[in-house]
Amino acid sequence: MQHKYFRVRERFVQAQELEQCQMKSLSPW
């Protein structure tokens, strides 16, 4: 159960990082 939660959290973190990258590419600063 804990392992499953960790995997979901990992996926969430990856999605957050991807979102941040998109925001960075959108904004010049």
Protein backbone atom coordinates (compact mmCIF):
# COMPACT_ATOMS: atom_id res chain seq x y z
CA MET A 1 0.00 0.00 0.00
CA GLN A 2 2.81 2.39 0.91
CA HIS A 3 4.69 1.50 -2.27
CA LYS A 4 1.60 2.28 -4.36
CA TYR A 5 1.26 5.65 -2.66
CA PHE A 6 4.93 6.38 -3.35
CA ARG A 7 4.45 5.63 -7.05
CA VAL A 8 1.44 7.95 -7.24
CA ARG A 9 3.40 10.66 -5.45
CA GLU A 10 6.33 10.19 -7.84
CA ARG A 11 4.01 10.60 -10.82
CA PHE A 12 2.51 13.73 -9.24
CA VAL A 13 5.96 15.22 -8.70
CA GLN A 14 6.87 14.50 -12.33
CA ALA A 15 3.69 16.22 -13.50
CA GLN A 16 4.50 19.23 -11.31
CA GLU A 17 8.01 19.48 -12.75
CA LEU A 18 6.64 19.25 -16.29
CA GLU A 19 4.15 22.03 -15.51
CA GLN A 20 6.96 24.22 -14.14
CA CYS A 21 9.00 23.64 -17.30
CA GLN A 22 6.05 24.68 -19.46
CA MET A 23 5.55 27.83 -17.36
CA LYS A 24 9.24 28.68 -17.70
CA SER A 25 9.12 28.29 -21.48
CA LEU A 26 6.00 30.47 -21.60
CA SER A 27 7.42 33.31 -19.50
CA PRO A 28 10.64 34.98 -20.75
CA TRP A 29 11.90 35.53 -17.23
